[in-house]
N, C-alpha and C. Protein backbone atom coordinates (compact mmCIF):
# COMPACT_ATOMS: atom_id res chain seq x y z
N MET A 1 0.84 -1.16 0.00
CA MET A 1 0.00 0.00 0.00
C MET A 1 0.90 1.24 0.00
N ASN A 2 0.59 2.19 -0.88
CA ASN A 2 1.33 3.45 -0.93
C ASN A 2 0.59 4.50 -0.13
N TYR A 3 1.35 5.37 0.47
CA TYR A 3 0.75 6.49 1.18
C TYR A 3 1.72 7.66 1.13
N TYR A 4 1.19 8.83 1.29
CA TYR A 4 1.98 10.05 1.27
C TYR A 4 1.98 10.67 2.66
N VAL A 5 3.14 11.16 3.04
CA VAL A 5 3.26 11.91 4.28
C VAL A 5 3.46 13.37 3.89
N THR A 6 2.60 14.22 4.39
CA THR A 6 2.75 15.64 4.09
C THR A 6 3.08 16.39 5.38
N THR A 7 3.87 17.41 5.22
CA THR A 7 4.20 18.27 6.35
C THR A 7 3.95 19.72 5.95
N THR A 8 3.73 20.53 6.92
CA THR A 8 3.53 21.95 6.69
C THR A 8 4.59 22.72 7.45
N THR A 9 5.23 23.63 6.76
CA THR A 9 6.25 24.48 7.37
C THR A 9 5.77 25.92 7.29
N ASP A 10 5.66 26.59 8.41
CA ASP A 10 5.28 27.99 8.43
C ASP A 10 6.53 28.81 8.18
N LEU A 11 6.56 29.53 7.07
CA LEU A 11 7.73 30.31 6.72
C LEU A 11 7.71 31.71 7.30
N LEU A 12 6.65 32.04 8.03
CA LEU A 12 6.59 33.33 8.71
C LEU A 12 7.15 33.20 10.11
N THR A 13 7.75 34.27 10.58
CA THR A 13 8.18 34.27 11.97
C THR A 13 6.93 34.34 12.85
N PRO A 14 7.04 34.01 14.13
CA PRO A 14 5.87 34.12 15.00
C PRO A 14 5.27 35.53 15.02
N GLU A 15 6.12 36.55 14.97
CA GLU A 15 5.63 37.93 14.96
C GLU A 15 4.88 38.24 13.66
N GLN A 16 5.42 37.77 12.53
CA GLN A 16 4.75 37.97 11.25
C GLN A 16 3.42 37.22 11.21
N ARG A 17 3.42 36.00 11.73
CA ARG A 17 2.20 35.20 11.74
C ARG A 17 1.12 35.90 12.56
N LYS A 18 1.52 36.48 13.71
CA LYS A 18 0.55 37.19 14.55
C LYS A 18 -0.04 38.38 13.78
N GLN A 19 0.82 39.14 13.13
CA GLN A 19 0.33 40.28 12.35
C GLN A 19 -0.62 39.83 11.25
N PHE A 20 -0.25 38.78 10.55
CA PHE A 20 -1.09 38.28 9.46
C PHE A 20 -2.44 37.80 10.00
N ASN A 21 -2.42 37.07 11.10
CA ASN A 21 -3.67 36.60 11.70
C ASN A 21 -4.54 37.77 12.17
N ASP A 22 -3.92 38.82 12.71
CA ASP A 22 -4.67 40.01 13.13
C ASP A 22 -5.33 40.68 11.93
N ILE A 23 -4.60 40.79 10.81
CA ILE A 23 -5.15 41.38 9.59
C ILE A 23 -6.32 40.54 9.07
N ILE A 24 -6.15 39.23 9.09
CA ILE A 24 -7.24 38.33 8.66
C ILE A 24 -8.47 38.54 9.53
N ASP A 25 -8.27 38.63 10.84
CA ASP A 25 -9.41 38.85 11.75
C ASP A 25 -10.15 40.14 11.41
N VAL A 26 -9.41 41.20 11.16
CA VAL A 26 -10.05 42.48 10.83
C VAL A 26 -10.81 42.36 9.51
N CYS A 27 -10.20 41.75 8.52
CA CYS A 27 -10.85 41.63 7.21
C CYS A 27 -12.10 40.76 7.27
N HIS A 28 -12.11 39.78 8.14
CA HIS A 28 -13.27 38.88 8.21
C HIS A 28 -14.36 39.38 9.15
N ASP A 29 -14.01 40.24 10.10
CA ASP A 29 -15.00 40.68 11.08
C ASP A 29 -15.42 42.13 10.89
N SER A 30 -14.84 42.80 9.93
CA SER A 30 -15.04 44.24 9.83
C SER A 30 -16.23 44.62 8.96
N ASP A 31 -16.97 45.59 9.45
CA ASP A 31 -18.04 46.18 8.65
C ASP A 31 -17.44 46.95 7.47
N PHE A 32 -16.20 47.42 7.63
CA PHE A 32 -15.52 48.16 6.57
C PHE A 32 -15.44 47.34 5.29
N VAL A 33 -15.06 46.08 5.40
CA VAL A 33 -14.91 45.24 4.21
C VAL A 33 -16.27 45.03 3.53
N SER A 34 -17.31 44.85 4.31
CA SER A 34 -18.64 44.71 3.73
C SER A 34 -19.06 46.00 3.03
N ARG A 35 -18.74 47.13 3.65
CA ARG A 35 -19.06 48.42 3.02
C ARG A 35 -18.27 48.60 1.73
N LEU A 36 -17.00 48.19 1.75
CA LEU A 36 -16.16 48.27 0.55
C LEU A 36 -16.75 47.40 -0.55
N TRP A 37 -17.16 46.17 -0.20
CA TRP A 37 -17.77 45.26 -1.17
C TRP A 37 -19.04 45.87 -1.76
N ASP A 38 -19.82 46.53 -0.91
CA ASP A 38 -21.07 47.14 -1.36
C ASP A 38 -20.83 48.33 -2.28
N CYS A 39 -19.64 48.91 -2.26
CA CYS A 39 -19.30 50.02 -3.16
C CYS A 39 -19.11 49.56 -4.60
N LEU A 40 -18.86 48.28 -4.77
CA LEU A 40 -18.59 47.75 -6.11
C LEU A 40 -19.86 47.68 -6.93
N ASP A 41 -19.78 48.14 -8.16
CA ASP A 41 -20.87 47.97 -9.11
C ASP A 41 -20.58 46.67 -9.85
N HIS A 42 -21.29 45.62 -9.50
CA HIS A 42 -20.98 44.28 -10.01
C HIS A 42 -21.28 44.14 -11.50
N LYS A 43 -21.97 45.12 -12.08
CA LYS A 43 -22.18 45.13 -13.53
C LYS A 43 -20.93 45.65 -14.24
N VAL A 44 -20.12 46.43 -13.51
CA VAL A 44 -18.92 47.03 -14.08
C VAL A 44 -17.69 46.21 -13.74
N THR A 45 -17.64 45.66 -12.53
CA THR A 45 -16.46 44.92 -12.07
C THR A 45 -16.59 43.44 -12.42
N ASP A 46 -15.52 42.73 -12.21
CA ASP A 46 -15.49 41.29 -12.44
C ASP A 46 -15.81 40.57 -11.12
N THR A 47 -16.94 40.93 -10.53
CA THR A 47 -17.36 40.33 -9.26
C THR A 47 -18.82 39.92 -9.37
N VAL A 48 -19.22 39.02 -8.50
CA VAL A 48 -20.60 38.57 -8.43
C VAL A 48 -21.23 39.21 -7.20
N ALA A 49 -22.44 39.72 -7.35
CA ALA A 49 -23.07 40.52 -6.30
C ALA A 49 -23.34 39.75 -5.01
N GLU A 50 -23.67 38.47 -5.08
CA GLU A 50 -24.06 37.74 -3.86
C GLU A 50 -22.89 37.65 -2.88
N TYR A 51 -23.25 37.69 -1.61
CA TYR A 51 -22.25 37.38 -0.58
C TYR A 51 -22.13 35.87 -0.57
N GLY A 52 -20.99 35.39 -0.31
CA GLY A 52 -20.78 33.95 -0.32
C GLY A 52 -19.33 33.67 -0.62
N THR A 53 -19.08 32.71 -1.49
CA THR A 53 -17.72 32.29 -1.79
C THR A 53 -16.88 33.45 -2.31
N GLU A 54 -17.43 34.23 -3.24
CA GLU A 54 -16.63 35.31 -3.81
C GLU A 54 -16.33 36.39 -2.77
N MET A 55 -17.28 36.67 -1.92
CA MET A 55 -17.05 37.63 -0.84
C MET A 55 -15.96 37.12 0.10
N GLU A 56 -15.98 35.83 0.41
CA GLU A 56 -14.94 35.26 1.28
C GLU A 56 -13.58 35.33 0.60
N ASN A 57 -13.54 35.05 -0.71
CA ASN A 57 -12.28 35.17 -1.45
C ASN A 57 -11.79 36.61 -1.42
N PHE A 58 -12.71 37.56 -1.56
CA PHE A 58 -12.38 38.98 -1.51
C PHE A 58 -11.73 39.32 -0.17
N LYS A 59 -12.33 38.84 0.92
CA LYS A 59 -11.77 39.10 2.25
C LYS A 59 -10.38 38.51 2.38
N GLY A 60 -10.21 37.26 1.93
CA GLY A 60 -8.91 36.60 2.02
C GLY A 60 -7.86 37.29 1.18
N ASP A 61 -8.23 37.66 -0.05
CA ASP A 61 -7.28 38.35 -0.93
C ASP A 61 -6.93 39.73 -0.39
N LEU A 62 -7.91 40.40 0.21
CA LEU A 62 -7.64 41.70 0.81
C LEU A 62 -6.65 41.57 1.96
N ALA A 63 -6.83 40.55 2.79
CA ALA A 63 -5.89 40.31 3.89
C ALA A 63 -4.49 40.02 3.35
N ASP A 64 -4.39 39.19 2.30
CA ASP A 64 -3.09 38.89 1.69
C ASP A 64 -2.44 40.16 1.16
N PHE A 65 -3.24 41.00 0.47
CA PHE A 65 -2.71 42.24 -0.07
C PHE A 65 -2.21 43.15 1.04
N CYS A 66 -3.02 43.35 2.07
CA CYS A 66 -2.63 44.23 3.18
C CYS A 66 -1.36 43.75 3.85
N PHE A 67 -1.28 42.45 4.11
CA PHE A 67 -0.09 41.91 4.77
C PHE A 67 1.13 42.08 3.87
N GLY A 68 1.00 41.76 2.59
CA GLY A 68 2.11 41.91 1.66
C GLY A 68 2.56 43.35 1.52
N TRP A 69 1.59 44.26 1.54
CA TRP A 69 1.91 45.67 1.39
C TRP A 69 2.67 46.19 2.60
N VAL A 70 2.22 45.86 3.79
CA VAL A 70 2.89 46.37 4.99
C VAL A 70 4.24 45.70 5.21
N MET A 71 4.38 44.47 4.73
CA MET A 71 5.66 43.79 4.90
C MET A 71 6.68 44.27 3.87
N GLY A 72 6.24 44.72 2.72
CA GLY A 72 7.10 45.28 1.69
C GLY A 72 8.31 44.43 1.39
N VAL A 73 9.48 45.01 1.55
CA VAL A 73 10.74 44.35 1.21
C VAL A 73 10.94 43.07 2.02
N LYS A 74 10.44 43.06 3.25
CA LYS A 74 10.64 41.88 4.09
C LYS A 74 9.96 40.65 3.48
N MET A 75 8.90 40.87 2.68
CA MET A 75 8.23 39.74 2.04
C MET A 75 9.13 39.07 1.02
N MET A 76 10.06 39.82 0.43
CA MET A 76 10.97 39.21 -0.54
C MET A 76 11.78 38.10 0.11
N GLY A 77 12.14 38.29 1.36
CA GLY A 77 12.86 37.24 2.08
C GLY A 77 12.00 36.01 2.28
N ILE A 78 10.72 36.22 2.54
CA ILE A 78 9.80 35.10 2.71
C ILE A 78 9.62 34.39 1.38
N GLU A 79 9.47 35.15 0.28
CA GLU A 79 9.31 34.54 -1.03
C GLU A 79 10.54 33.72 -1.40
N ALA A 80 11.73 34.19 -1.02
CA ALA A 80 12.95 33.44 -1.28
C ALA A 80 12.95 32.14 -0.48
N LYS A 81 12.49 32.20 0.78
CA LYS A 81 12.40 30.99 1.59
C LYS A 81 11.43 29.99 0.96
N ILE A 82 10.31 30.49 0.46
CA ILE A 82 9.33 29.61 -0.17
C ILE A 82 9.93 28.95 -1.41
N ALA A 83 10.61 29.75 -2.24
CA ALA A 83 11.24 29.20 -3.44
C ALA A 83 12.27 28.15 -3.07
N HIS A 84 13.12 28.44 -2.07
CA HIS A 84 14.13 27.48 -1.63
C HIS A 84 13.47 26.22 -1.08
N HIS A 85 12.42 26.40 -0.29
CA HIS A 85 11.69 25.27 0.29
C HIS A 85 11.10 24.40 -0.82
N ASN A 86 10.52 25.03 -1.84
CA ASN A 86 9.92 24.28 -2.94
C ASN A 86 10.97 23.54 -3.75
N LEU A 87 12.17 24.13 -3.93
CA LEU A 87 13.24 23.46 -4.66
C LEU A 87 13.74 22.23 -3.90
N LYS A 88 13.77 22.31 -2.57
CA LYS A 88 14.21 21.17 -1.76
C LYS A 88 13.29 19.98 -1.95
N ASP A 89 12.00 20.24 -2.20
CA ASP A 89 11.03 19.17 -2.31
C ASP A 89 11.09 18.43 -3.64
N LYS A 90 11.81 19.00 -4.61
CA LYS A 90 11.85 18.38 -5.95
C LYS A 90 12.96 17.39 -6.08
């Protein structure tokens, strides 16, 4: 019988992870994000009006963007770690 063993490595430092989790919490619990979503004219944008999967993706992508933006140059170090980690797996 074949089986695969998978592992997960967090490439963020504990401080970075805390910041990212805090940003995620704000994006998922904030009335601001809902108000921002409601500003979109779904006939003009590439979005679907209903709240649901696309709204959740919007929240997640917004959190990713905010974290990447505030981390700036420091994210390049994380991206290098990810690339190195992925090369080790091949």
